[in-house]
Amino acid sequence: MMKAQDIMTKDVVAIRGSATVAEAVKLMKEKSLRALIVERRNNQDAYGIVTETDIIYKVAAYGKDPKTVRVYEIMTKPCIVVNPDLGVEYVARLFANTGIRRAPVINDSLVGIISVTDILTKSDFVEQPKSIILEEEIQKAVADARAICSQKGANSGECAAAWDIVEELRAELSHQRAEKSLGKTAFEQYCEENPEADEARVYDS
């Protein structure tokens, strides 16, 4: 599974919050960027972000003078940040749920920036869709659960724990597909074959 650090842009351009919007626009044009990370004032401070949308919606749209408006007046701070170890599909889901298009990648300090363009052009979601990988993991987990239950007993704690793994994977797949339910669970199907297995739901962790 690809992670944010695998597709992020490492060459991040930052700007001071006290810089003018005109300076930000000049930097964006020079570097062909749509957003700039706003530097922290100290190690305890949060990162900010200023985007082309911020500039257009908050400055240009109102006829304000970019040479007098400061970046800190229009930036988003604190901004949503991404951990470098976060899976790409979770980054995409974060973007979808929040409506943002890019975010700084933070590991104590700034290590990169990731955008919807990075996900589209650099990730493997076309070649390796997570739902297919999950389906394969579910099939393997079901086989493992049946084997464990056959060895340890249908009403054993080990059997129940194995089916819990299956259901966690099914829940994740359901979430990936934005479905409410995948129908009858694999454990319910197993219980139809082995009625005593349902007792295994009551066990000590």
N, C-alpha and C. Protein backbone atom coordinates (compact mmCIF):
# COMPACT_ATOMS: atom_id res chain seq x y z
N MET A 1 0.84 -1.19 0.00
CA MET A 1 0.00 0.00 0.00
C MET A 1 0.88 1.25 0.00
N MET A 2 0.64 2.12 -0.95
CA MET A 2 1.42 3.34 -1.03
C MET A 2 1.04 4.30 0.09
N LYS A 3 2.02 5.05 0.53
CA LYS A 3 1.80 6.01 1.62
C LYS A 3 2.01 7.43 1.11
N ALA A 4 1.62 8.38 1.94
CA ALA A 4 1.77 9.79 1.57
C ALA A 4 3.20 10.12 1.20
N GLN A 5 4.15 9.57 1.95
CA GLN A 5 5.56 9.88 1.71
C GLN A 5 6.05 9.36 0.37
N ASP A 6 5.34 8.38 -0.20
CA ASP A 6 5.75 7.81 -1.48
C ASP A 6 5.39 8.71 -2.66
N ILE A 7 4.38 9.55 -2.51
CA ILE A 7 3.93 10.36 -3.64
C ILE A 7 3.98 11.86 -3.38
N MET A 8 4.32 12.25 -2.17
CA MET A 8 4.33 13.68 -1.84
C MET A 8 5.42 14.41 -2.60
N THR A 9 5.28 15.72 -2.72
CA THR A 9 6.31 16.58 -3.28
C THR A 9 7.22 17.03 -2.13
N LYS A 10 8.49 16.69 -2.23
CA LYS A 10 9.42 16.97 -1.13
C LYS A 10 9.97 18.39 -1.18
N ASP A 11 10.00 18.97 -2.37
CA ASP A 11 10.54 20.32 -2.52
C ASP A 11 9.42 21.31 -2.21
N VAL A 12 9.28 21.65 -0.93
CA VAL A 12 8.19 22.50 -0.48
C VAL A 12 8.65 23.96 -0.43
N VAL A 13 7.80 24.82 -0.92
CA VAL A 13 8.09 26.26 -0.88
C VAL A 13 7.25 26.88 0.23
N ALA A 14 7.91 27.57 1.12
CA ALA A 14 7.22 28.19 2.26
C ALA A 14 7.37 29.70 2.21
N ILE A 15 6.50 30.38 2.93
CA ILE A 15 6.52 31.84 2.98
C ILE A 15 6.18 32.29 4.39
N ARG A 16 6.65 33.45 4.78
CA ARG A 16 6.34 33.99 6.10
C ARG A 16 4.91 34.51 6.13
N GLY A 17 4.30 34.42 7.28
CA GLY A 17 2.96 34.94 7.43
C GLY A 17 2.91 36.45 7.29
N SER A 18 4.02 37.10 7.58
CA SER A 18 4.08 38.56 7.50
C SER A 18 4.33 39.07 6.08
N ALA A 19 4.61 38.16 5.14
CA ALA A 19 4.83 38.57 3.76
C ALA A 19 3.54 39.11 3.16
N THR A 20 3.66 39.94 2.15
CA THR A 20 2.46 40.47 1.51
C THR A 20 1.91 39.44 0.52
N VAL A 21 0.65 39.61 0.19
CA VAL A 21 0.03 38.72 -0.80
C VAL A 21 0.71 38.91 -2.16
N ALA A 22 1.15 40.12 -2.45
CA ALA A 22 1.87 40.36 -3.70
C ALA A 22 3.14 39.51 -3.76
N GLU A 23 3.84 39.40 -2.65
CA GLU A 23 5.04 38.56 -2.60
C GLU A 23 4.68 37.09 -2.79
N ALA A 24 3.56 36.68 -2.20
CA ALA A 24 3.10 35.29 -2.35
C ALA A 24 2.76 35.00 -3.81
N VAL A 25 2.07 35.93 -4.47
CA VAL A 25 1.70 35.75 -5.88
C VAL A 25 2.96 35.65 -6.74
N LYS A 26 3.94 36.51 -6.47
CA LYS A 26 5.19 36.49 -7.23
C LYS A 26 5.89 35.14 -7.08
N LEU A 27 5.93 34.63 -5.86
CA LEU A 27 6.57 33.33 -5.60
C LEU A 27 5.81 32.20 -6.28
N MET A 28 4.48 32.26 -6.23
CA MET A 28 3.67 31.23 -6.90
C MET A 28 3.92 31.22 -8.40
N LYS A 29 4.00 32.40 -9.00
CA LYS A 29 4.24 32.48 -10.44
C LYS A 29 5.61 31.94 -10.79
N GLU A 30 6.62 32.30 -10.01
CA GLU A 30 8.00 31.87 -10.28
C GLU A 30 8.14 30.35 -10.20
N LYS A 31 7.44 29.77 -9.21
CA LYS A 31 7.58 28.33 -8.97
C LYS A 31 6.46 27.49 -9.59
N SER A 32 5.51 28.17 -10.25
CA SER A 32 4.34 27.48 -10.84
C SER A 32 3.60 26.66 -9.79
N LEU A 33 3.24 27.32 -8.69
CA LEU A 33 2.58 26.66 -7.57
C LEU A 33 1.17 27.19 -7.38
N ARG A 34 0.34 26.37 -6.74
CA ARG A 34 -1.02 26.78 -6.43
C ARG A 34 -1.22 27.02 -4.94
N ALA A 35 -0.18 26.74 -4.17
CA ALA A 35 -0.27 26.94 -2.72
C ALA A 35 1.12 27.08 -2.14
N LEU A 36 1.19 27.78 -1.01
CA LEU A 36 2.44 27.92 -0.27
C LEU A 36 2.18 27.55 1.18
N ILE A 37 3.15 26.87 1.79
CA ILE A 37 3.06 26.58 3.21
C ILE A 37 3.53 27.82 3.96
N VAL A 38 2.81 28.17 5.00
CA VAL A 38 3.18 29.34 5.81
C VAL A 38 4.05 28.86 6.97
N GLU A 39 5.23 29.45 7.07
CA GLU A 39 6.21 29.02 8.06
C GLU A 39 5.68 29.20 9.49
N ARG A 40 6.16 28.35 10.38
CA ARG A 40 5.85 28.48 11.80
C ARG A 40 6.70 29.60 12.40
N ARG A 41 6.16 30.26 13.39
CA ARG A 41 6.93 31.31 14.08
C ARG A 41 7.92 30.70 15.06
N ASN A 42 7.60 29.50 15.57
CA ASN A 42 8.50 28.76 16.47
C ASN A 42 8.13 27.29 16.40
N ASN A 43 8.87 26.45 17.10
CA ASN A 43 8.65 25.00 17.02
C ASN A 43 7.32 24.55 17.58
N GLN A 44 6.71 25.38 18.43
CA GLN A 44 5.42 25.02 19.01
C GLN A 44 4.25 25.53 18.18
N ASP A 45 4.54 26.36 17.22
CA ASP A 45 3.50 26.97 16.39
C ASP A 45 2.99 25.97 15.35
N ALA A 46 1.80 26.22 14.84
CA ALA A 46 1.21 25.36 13.81
C ALA A 46 1.57 25.88 12.43
N TYR A 47 1.57 24.97 11.45
CA TYR A 47 1.78 25.39 10.08
C TYR A 47 0.48 25.96 9.52
N GLY A 48 0.64 26.85 8.54
CA GLY A 48 -0.50 27.38 7.83
C GLY A 48 -0.35 27.11 6.35
N ILE A 49 -1.38 27.45 5.58
CA ILE A 49 -1.31 27.29 4.13
C ILE A 49 -2.08 28.43 3.48
N VAL A 50 -1.55 28.93 2.40
CA VAL A 50 -2.24 29.94 1.61
C VAL A 50 -2.31 29.44 0.17
N THR A 51 -3.49 29.48 -0.40
CA THR A 51 -3.71 28.91 -1.72
C THR A 51 -4.13 29.98 -2.73
N GLU A 52 -4.09 29.61 -3.99
CA GLU A 52 -4.54 30.52 -5.04
C GLU A 52 -6.00 30.91 -4.82
N THR A 53 -6.78 29.98 -4.29
CA THR A 53 -8.18 30.26 -4.02
C THR A 53 -8.33 31.33 -2.94
N ASP A 54 -7.51 31.22 -1.88
CA ASP A 54 -7.52 32.24 -0.83
C ASP A 54 -7.28 33.63 -1.42
N ILE A 55 -6.30 33.71 -2.31
CA ILE A 55 -5.92 34.99 -2.88
C ILE A 55 -7.02 35.55 -3.78
N ILE A 56 -7.59 34.68 -4.61
CA ILE A 56 -8.64 35.13 -5.53
C ILE A 56 -9.91 35.50 -4.78
N TYR A 57 -10.33 34.62 -3.85
CA TYR A 57 -11.60 34.82 -3.15
C TYR A 57 -11.55 35.95 -2.11
N LYS A 58 -10.39 36.12 -1.48
CA LYS A 58 -10.32 37.05 -0.35
C LYS A 58 -9.63 38.38 -0.67
N VAL A 59 -8.91 38.42 -1.78
CA VAL A 59 -8.20 39.65 -2.13
C VAL A 59 -8.70 40.20 -3.47
N ALA A 60 -8.48 39.44 -4.54
CA ALA A 60 -8.87 39.91 -5.87
C ALA A 60 -10.36 40.19 -5.98
N ALA A 61 -11.18 39.33 -5.39
CA ALA A 61 -12.63 39.48 -5.51
C ALA A 61 -13.15 40.75 -4.87
N TYR A 62 -12.39 41.32 -3.93
CA TYR A 62 -12.83 42.52 -3.23
C TYR A 62 -12.00 43.75 -3.61
N GLY A 63 -11.17 43.58 -4.62
CA GLY A 63 -10.39 44.71 -5.10
C GLY A 63 -9.35 45.21 -4.12
N LYS A 64 -8.93 44.37 -3.19
CA LYS A 64 -7.93 44.78 -2.20
C LYS A 64 -6.55 44.86 -2.84
N ASP A 65 -5.70 45.65 -2.24
CA ASP A 65 -4.34 45.82 -2.75
C ASP A 65 -3.45 44.70 -2.21
N PRO A 66 -2.99 43.79 -3.08
CA PRO A 66 -2.14 42.67 -2.63
C PRO A 66 -0.85 43.11 -1.97
N LYS A 67 -0.44 44.34 -2.23
CA LYS A 67 0.82 44.83 -1.66
C LYS A 67 0.66 45.30 -0.22
N THR A 68 -0.60 45.39 0.23
CA THR A 68 -0.83 45.81 1.62
C THR A 68 -1.46 44.72 2.47
N VAL A 69 -2.06 43.73 1.83
CA VAL A 69 -2.66 42.61 2.57
C VAL A 69 -1.56 41.60 2.89
N ARG A 70 -1.55 41.13 4.14
CA ARG A 70 -0.53 40.16 4.57
C ARG A 70 -1.06 38.73 4.44
N VAL A 71 -0.14 37.82 4.25
CA VAL A 71 -0.50 36.41 4.10
C VAL A 71 -1.28 35.91 5.31
N TYR A 72 -0.87 36.31 6.51
CA TYR A 72 -1.53 35.81 7.71
C TYR A 72 -3.00 36.22 7.78
N GLU A 73 -3.39 37.26 7.02
CA GLU A 73 -4.78 37.73 7.03
C GLU A 73 -5.71 36.82 6.23
N ILE A 74 -5.16 36.05 5.30
CA ILE A 74 -6.02 35.24 4.42
C ILE A 74 -5.70 33.75 4.48
N MET A 75 -4.64 33.37 5.18
CA MET A 75 -4.23 31.95 5.21
C MET A 75 -5.17 31.12 6.09
N THR A 76 -5.03 29.83 5.96
CA THR A 76 -5.71 28.88 6.84
C THR A 76 -4.69 28.37 7.85
N LYS A 77 -4.98 28.59 9.13
CA LYS A 77 -4.04 28.16 10.17
C LYS A 77 -4.80 27.96 11.48
N PRO A 78 -4.59 26.83 12.16
CA PRO A 78 -3.78 25.69 11.70
C PRO A 78 -4.47 24.99 10.54
N CYS A 79 -3.68 24.41 9.69
CA CYS A 79 -4.25 23.71 8.54
C CYS A 79 -4.24 22.20 8.79
N ILE A 80 -5.02 21.50 8.02
CA ILE A 80 -5.04 20.04 8.11
C ILE A 80 -3.70 19.52 7.61
N VAL A 81 -3.09 18.62 8.37
CA VAL A 81 -1.80 18.06 8.00
C VAL A 81 -1.91 16.55 7.85
N VAL A 82 -0.94 15.98 7.17
CA VAL A 82 -0.94 14.55 6.87
C VAL A 82 0.34 13.93 7.42
N ASN A 83 0.20 12.76 8.04
CA ASN A 83 1.35 11.99 8.49
C ASN A 83 1.97 11.27 7.28
N PRO A 84 3.29 11.25 7.15
CA PRO A 84 3.91 10.60 5.99
C PRO A 84 3.58 9.12 5.85
N ASP A 85 3.21 8.46 6.96
CA ASP A 85 2.90 7.03 6.91
C ASP A 85 1.43 6.75 6.58
N LEU A 86 0.63 7.79 6.38
CA LEU A 86 -0.79 7.59 6.09
C LEU A 86 -0.96 7.03 4.69
N GLY A 87 -1.79 5.98 4.57
CA GLY A 87 -2.05 5.37 3.27
C GLY A 87 -2.70 6.36 2.32
N VAL A 88 -2.39 6.22 1.04
CA VAL A 88 -2.88 7.16 0.03
C VAL A 88 -4.41 7.20 0.00
N GLU A 89 -5.06 6.04 0.16
CA GLU A 89 -6.52 6.05 0.11
C GLU A 89 -7.12 6.81 1.28
N TYR A 90 -6.42 6.80 2.41
CA TYR A 90 -6.90 7.57 3.56
C TYR A 90 -6.68 9.06 3.36
N VAL A 91 -5.59 9.42 2.66
CA VAL A 91 -5.37 10.82 2.31
C VAL A 91 -6.50 11.28 1.38
N ALA A 92 -6.82 10.46 0.40
CA ALA A 92 -7.89 10.80 -0.54
C ALA A 92 -9.22 10.96 0.20
N ARG A 93 -9.47 10.09 1.16
CA ARG A 93 -10.72 10.17 1.93
C ARG A 93 -10.74 11.42 2.79
N LEU A 94 -9.58 11.77 3.36
CA LEU A 94 -9.47 13.00 4.14
C LEU A 94 -9.79 14.22 3.28
N PHE A 95 -9.23 14.23 2.07
CA PHE A 95 -9.49 15.34 1.15
C PHE A 95 -10.97 15.39 0.78
N ALA A 96 -11.56 14.24 0.53
CA ALA A 96 -12.97 14.19 0.15
C ALA A 96 -13.87 14.67 1.27
N ASN A 97 -13.55 14.28 2.50
CA ASN A 97 -14.39 14.63 3.65
C ASN A 97 -14.26 16.10 4.05
N THR A 98 -13.11 16.70 3.79
CA THR A 98 -12.87 18.07 4.22
C THR A 98 -12.96 19.09 3.09
N GLY A 99 -12.92 18.60 1.85
CA GLY A 99 -13.00 19.50 0.71
C GLY A 99 -11.70 20.21 0.36
N ILE A 100 -10.59 19.80 0.99
CA ILE A 100 -9.31 20.42 0.66
C ILE A 100 -8.67 19.70 -0.52
N ARG A 101 -7.71 20.34 -1.12
CA ARG A 101 -7.05 19.77 -2.30
C ARG A 101 -5.57 19.46 -2.06
N ARG A 102 -5.04 19.97 -0.97
CA ARG A 102 -3.62 19.72 -0.66
C ARG A 102 -3.38 19.93 0.82
N ALA A 103 -2.30 19.33 1.33
CA ALA A 103 -1.99 19.47 2.75
C ALA A 103 -0.50 19.23 2.96
N PRO A 104 0.08 19.93 3.94
CA PRO A 104 1.49 19.67 4.26
C PRO A 104 1.64 18.31 4.91
N VAL A 105 2.76 17.68 4.66
CA VAL A 105 3.08 16.39 5.27
C VAL A 105 4.07 16.67 6.40
N ILE A 106 3.66 16.30 7.61
CA ILE A 106 4.42 16.66 8.79
C ILE A 106 4.88 15.44 9.56
N ASN A 107 6.15 15.40 9.87
CA ASN A 107 6.71 14.39 10.76
C ASN A 107 7.61 15.14 11.75
N ASP A 108 6.99 15.74 12.77
CA ASP A 108 7.64 16.69 13.67
C ASP A 108 7.89 18.02 12.94
N SER A 109 8.54 17.92 11.79
CA SER A 109 8.77 19.12 10.98
C SER A 109 8.19 18.89 9.58
N LEU A 110 8.22 19.91 8.76
CA LEU A 110 7.67 19.84 7.41
C LEU A 110 8.56 18.98 6.52
N VAL A 111 8.00 17.92 5.93
CA VAL A 111 8.79 17.04 5.07
C VAL A 111 8.29 17.02 3.63
N GLY A 112 7.10 17.58 3.38
CA GLY A 112 6.59 17.59 2.02
C GLY A 112 5.20 18.18 1.96
N ILE A 113 4.61 18.12 0.78
CA ILE A 113 3.23 18.54 0.58
C ILE A 113 2.59 17.54 -0.37
N ILE A 114 1.33 17.21 -0.14
CA ILE A 114 0.62 16.24 -0.97
C ILE A 114 -0.66 16.86 -1.47
N SER A 115 -1.00 16.59 -2.73
CA SER A 115 -2.16 17.20 -3.34
C SER A 115 -2.99 16.16 -4.08
N VAL A 116 -4.17 16.57 -4.52
CA VAL A 116 -5.01 15.67 -5.31
C VAL A 116 -4.30 15.29 -6.60
N THR A 117 -3.49 16.20 -7.13
CA THR A 117 -2.74 15.90 -8.35
C THR A 117 -1.72 14.79 -8.11
N ASP A 118 -1.08 14.82 -6.94
CA ASP A 118 -0.14 13.75 -6.59
C ASP A 118 -0.85 12.40 -6.55
N ILE A 119 -2.02 12.39 -5.94
CA ILE A 119 -2.79 11.14 -5.84
C ILE A 119 -3.16 10.63 -7.23
N LEU A 120 -3.57 11.56 -8.09
CA LEU A 120 -4.01 11.19 -9.44
C LEU A 120 -2.86 10.69 -10.31
N THR A 121 -1.71 11.35 -10.21
CA THR A 121 -0.62 11.07 -11.15
C THR A 121 0.46 10.14 -10.62
N LYS A 122 0.58 10.01 -9.30
CA LYS A 122 1.70 9.24 -8.76
C LYS A 122 1.30 7.96 -8.01
N SER A 123 0.05 7.87 -7.58
CA SER A 123 -0.34 6.71 -6.78
C SER A 123 -0.74 5.54 -7.69
N ASP A 124 -0.94 4.39 -7.07
CA ASP A 124 -1.26 3.17 -7.83
C ASP A 124 -2.72 2.76 -7.65
N PHE A 125 -3.61 3.72 -7.39
CA PHE A 125 -5.00 3.35 -7.11
C PHE A 125 -5.68 2.75 -8.33
N VAL A 126 -5.18 3.03 -9.53
CA VAL A 126 -5.75 2.43 -10.74
C VAL A 126 -5.29 0.97 -10.86
N GLU A 127 -3.99 0.77 -10.66
CA GLU A 127 -3.43 -0.58 -10.80
C GLU A 127 -3.71 -1.46 -9.58
N GLN A 128 -3.75 -0.85 -8.40
CA GLN A 128 -3.92 -1.60 -7.16
C GLN A 128 -5.05 -1.01 -6.31
N PRO A 129 -6.29 -1.10 -6.79
CA PRO A 129 -7.40 -0.55 -5.98
C PRO A 129 -7.51 -1.27 -4.64
N LYS A 130 -7.68 -0.49 -3.57
CA LYS A 130 -7.69 -1.05 -2.24
C LYS A 130 -8.80 -2.08 -2.05
N SER A 131 -9.94 -1.89 -2.72
CA SER A 131 -11.06 -2.82 -2.54
C SER A 131 -10.69 -4.23 -3.00
N ILE A 132 -9.93 -4.32 -4.09
CA ILE A 132 -9.51 -5.64 -4.59
C ILE A 132 -8.54 -6.29 -3.61
N ILE A 133 -7.61 -5.49 -3.09
CA ILE A 133 -6.66 -6.00 -2.12
C ILE A 133 -7.38 -6.48 -0.86
N LEU A 134 -8.38 -5.72 -0.43
CA LEU A 134 -9.15 -6.11 0.75
C LEU A 134 -9.94 -7.38 0.51
N GLU A 135 -10.50 -7.52 -0.68
CA GLU A 135 -11.24 -8.74 -1.00
C GLU A 135 -10.33 -9.97 -0.90
N GLU A 136 -9.10 -9.82 -1.39
CA GLU A 136 -8.14 -10.92 -1.30
C GLU A 136 -7.77 -11.21 0.16
N GLU A 137 -7.61 -10.13 0.95
CA GLU A 137 -7.29 -10.31 2.37
C GLU A 137 -8.45 -10.98 3.11
N ILE A 138 -9.68 -10.62 2.73
CA ILE A 138 -10.86 -11.22 3.37
C ILE A 138 -10.93 -12.71 3.07
N GLN A 139 -10.70 -13.07 1.82
CA GLN A 139 -10.74 -14.49 1.44
C GLN A 139 -9.71 -15.28 2.24
N LYS A 140 -8.51 -14.72 2.38
CA LYS A 140 -7.47 -15.40 3.15
C LYS A 140 -7.85 -15.47 4.62
N ALA A 141 -8.42 -14.37 5.16
CA ALA A 141 -8.80 -14.35 6.57
C ALA A 141 -9.91 -15.35 6.86
N VAL A 142 -10.85 -15.51 5.93
CA VAL A 142 -11.93 -16.49 6.09
C VAL A 142 -11.35 -17.90 6.13
N ALA A 143 -10.42 -18.17 5.21
CA ALA A 143 -9.79 -19.49 5.18
C ALA A 143 -9.02 -19.75 6.48
N ASP A 144 -8.32 -18.71 6.96
CA ASP A 144 -7.58 -18.85 8.21
C ASP A 144 -8.53 -19.09 9.39
N ALA A 145 -9.64 -18.34 9.41
CA ALA A 145 -10.60 -18.48 10.50
C ALA A 145 -11.20 -19.88 10.54
N ARG A 146 -11.54 -20.40 9.38
CA ARG A 146 -12.11 -21.76 9.31
C ARG A 146 -11.09 -22.80 9.80
N ALA A 147 -9.83 -22.58 9.43
CA ALA A 147 -8.79 -23.51 9.84
C ALA A 147 -8.59 -23.46 11.36
N ILE A 148 -8.57 -22.25 11.92
CA ILE A 148 -8.40 -22.09 13.37
C ILE A 148 -9.58 -22.71 14.11
N CYS A 149 -10.79 -22.47 13.62
CA CYS A 149 -11.98 -23.01 14.28
C CYS A 149 -12.02 -24.53 14.21
N SER A 150 -11.53 -25.06 13.10
CA SER A 150 -11.48 -26.52 12.95
C SER A 150 -10.49 -27.12 13.94
N GLN A 151 -9.39 -26.39 14.17
CA GLN A 151 -8.35 -26.89 15.07
C GLN A 151 -8.68 -26.64 16.53
N LYS A 152 -9.16 -25.43 16.85
CA LYS A 152 -9.38 -25.04 18.24
C LYS A 152 -10.80 -25.29 18.73
N GLY A 153 -11.73 -25.47 17.80
CA GLY A 153 -13.12 -25.66 18.19
C GLY A 153 -13.96 -24.45 17.81
N ALA A 154 -15.18 -24.73 17.36
CA ALA A 154 -16.06 -23.67 16.85
C ALA A 154 -16.48 -22.67 17.92
N ASN A 155 -16.47 -23.08 19.19
CA ASN A 155 -16.89 -22.17 20.25
C ASN A 155 -15.71 -21.69 21.10
N SER A 156 -14.50 -21.73 20.52
CA SER A 156 -13.31 -21.27 21.25
C SER A 156 -13.10 -19.77 21.07
N GLY A 157 -12.35 -19.19 21.98
CA GLY A 157 -12.01 -17.77 21.87
C GLY A 157 -11.16 -17.48 20.66
N GLU A 158 -10.27 -18.41 20.32
CA GLU A 158 -9.42 -18.22 19.14
C GLU A 158 -10.26 -18.16 17.87
N CYS A 159 -11.29 -18.99 17.84
CA CYS A 159 -12.19 -19.01 16.68
C CYS A 159 -12.89 -17.66 16.55
N ALA A 160 -13.43 -17.16 17.66
CA ALA A 160 -14.14 -15.87 17.63
C ALA A 160 -13.20 -14.73 17.24
N ALA A 161 -11.99 -14.76 17.77
CA ALA A 161 -11.03 -13.70 17.45
C ALA A 161 -10.68 -13.71 15.97
N ALA A 162 -10.56 -14.90 15.39
CA ALA A 162 -10.25 -15.02 13.96
C ALA A 162 -11.37 -14.43 13.11
N TRP A 163 -12.62 -14.67 13.54
CA TRP A 163 -13.75 -14.10 12.79
C TRP A 163 -13.86 -12.60 12.99
N ASP A 164 -13.42 -12.11 14.14
CA ASP A 164 -13.40 -10.67 14.35
C ASP A 164 -12.50 -9.98 13.32
N ILE A 165 -11.38 -10.61 13.01
CA ILE A 165 -10.46 -10.07 12.00
C ILE A 165 -11.16 -9.99 10.65
N VAL A 166 -11.90 -11.04 10.33
CA VAL A 166 -12.65 -11.06 9.07
C VAL A 166 -13.64 -9.90 9.02
N GLU A 167 -14.38 -9.71 10.10
CA GLU A 167 -15.40 -8.66 10.10
C GLU A 167 -14.80 -7.27 10.07
N GLU A 168 -13.63 -7.09 10.67
CA GLU A 168 -12.95 -5.79 10.59
C GLU A 168 -12.56 -5.47 9.15
N LEU A 169 -12.08 -6.48 8.45
CA LEU A 169 -11.72 -6.30 7.04
C LEU A 169 -12.95 -6.01 6.20
N ARG A 170 -14.06 -6.71 6.48
CA ARG A 170 -15.30 -6.47 5.74
C ARG A 170 -15.84 -5.07 6.01
N ALA A 171 -15.70 -4.61 7.24
CA ALA A 171 -16.15 -3.26 7.57
C ALA A 171 -15.34 -2.22 6.81
N GLU A 172 -14.03 -2.46 6.71
CA GLU A 172 -13.18 -1.54 5.97
C GLU A 172 -13.54 -1.54 4.48
N LEU A 173 -13.82 -2.72 3.93
CA LEU A 173 -14.22 -2.82 2.53
C LEU A 173 -15.55 -2.10 2.31
N SER A 174 -16.47 -2.27 3.23
CA SER A 174 -17.76 -1.58 3.14
C SER A 174 -17.56 -0.08 3.15
N HIS A 175 -16.64 0.39 4.00
CA HIS A 175 -16.36 1.82 4.08
C HIS A 175 -15.73 2.31 2.78
N GLN A 176 -14.83 1.50 2.22
CA GLN A 176 -14.20 1.86 0.96
C GLN A 176 -15.25 2.04 -0.14
N ARG A 177 -16.26 1.18 -0.12
CA ARG A 177 -17.30 1.23 -1.15
C ARG A 177 -18.44 2.16 -0.78
N ALA A 178 -18.32 2.79 0.39
CA ALA A 178 -19.37 3.70 0.89
C ALA A 178 -20.70 2.99 0.98
N GLU A 179 -20.65 1.73 1.43
CA GLU A 179 -21.86 0.95 1.59
C GLU A 179 -22.20 0.84 3.06
N LYS A 180 -23.48 0.69 3.36
CA LYS A 180 -23.90 0.53 4.74
C LYS A 180 -23.65 -0.90 5.23
N SER A 181 -23.76 -1.85 4.35
CA SER A 181 -23.61 -3.24 4.76
C SER A 181 -23.23 -4.10 3.58
N LEU A 182 -22.51 -5.15 3.84
CA LEU A 182 -22.17 -6.13 2.82
C LEU A 182 -23.06 -7.36 2.92
N GLY A 183 -24.19 -7.23 3.61
CA GLY A 183 -25.10 -8.35 3.76
C GLY A 183 -24.69 -9.26 4.89
N LYS A 184 -25.06 -10.53 4.78
CA LYS A 184 -24.76 -11.50 5.82
C LYS A 184 -23.26 -11.63 5.98
N THR A 185 -22.79 -11.58 7.23
CA THR A 185 -21.36 -11.64 7.48
C THR A 185 -20.84 -13.06 7.29
N ALA A 186 -19.53 -13.14 7.10
CA ALA A 186 -18.89 -14.44 6.93
C ALA A 186 -19.07 -15.28 8.19
N PHE A 187 -19.04 -14.62 9.36
CA PHE A 187 -19.22 -15.35 10.61
C PHE A 187 -20.64 -15.88 10.73
N GLU A 188 -21.62 -15.10 10.30
CA GLU A 188 -23.01 -15.57 10.33
C GLU A 188 -23.20 -16.78 9.42
N GLN A 189 -22.53 -16.73 8.28
CA GLN A 189 -22.60 -17.88 7.38
C GLN A 189 -21.95 -19.11 8.03
N TYR A 190 -20.84 -18.88 8.73
CA TYR A 190 -20.17 -19.97 9.41
C TYR A 190 -21.06 -20.54 10.51
N CYS A 191 -21.75 -19.64 11.23
CA CYS A 191 -22.64 -20.09 12.32
C CYS A 191 -23.81 -20.92 11.81
N GLU A 192 -24.24 -20.67 10.59
CA GLU A 192 -25.30 -21.48 10.02
C GLU A 192 -24.84 -22.92 9.84
N GLU A 193 -23.54 -23.04 9.55
CA GLU A 193 -22.97 -24.38 9.40
C GLU A 193 -22.59 -24.97 10.76
N ASN A 194 -22.22 -24.09 11.69
CA ASN A 194 -21.78 -24.52 13.02
C ASN A 194 -22.49 -23.68 14.08
N PRO A 195 -23.73 -24.02 14.44
CA PRO A 195 -24.53 -23.21 15.36
C PRO A 195 -23.84 -22.93 16.70
N GLU A 196 -23.00 -23.85 17.17
CA GLU A 196 -22.36 -23.66 18.46
C GLU A 196 -21.31 -22.56 18.42
N ALA A 197 -20.90 -22.16 17.24
CA ALA A 197 -19.85 -21.15 17.11
C ALA A 197 -20.30 -19.80 17.64
N ASP A 198 -21.60 -19.54 17.63
CA ASP A 198 -22.09 -18.24 18.08
C ASP A 198 -21.79 -18.01 19.56
N GLU A 199 -21.65 -19.09 20.32
CA GLU A 199 -21.32 -18.97 21.73
C GLU A 199 -19.93 -18.37 21.93
N ALA A 200 -19.10 -18.48 20.90
CA ALA A 200 -17.73 -17.99 21.03
C ALA A 200 -17.65 -16.47 21.07
N ARG A 201 -18.78 -15.80 20.79
CA ARG A 201 -18.80 -14.36 20.87
C ARG A 201 -18.63 -13.87 22.30
N VAL A 202 -18.87 -14.74 23.28
CA VAL A 202 -18.67 -14.38 24.67
C VAL A 202 -17.37 -15.05 25.11
N TYR A 203 -16.31 -14.25 25.12
CA TYR A 203 -15.02 -14.79 25.51
C TYR A 203 -14.16 -13.71 26.12
N ASP A 204 -13.18 -14.14 26.88
CA ASP A 204 -12.27 -13.20 27.53
C ASP A 204 -11.22 -12.77 26.53
N SER A 205 -10.88 -11.48 26.57
CA SER A 205 -9.86 -10.97 25.67
C SER A 205 -8.48 -11.35 26.21
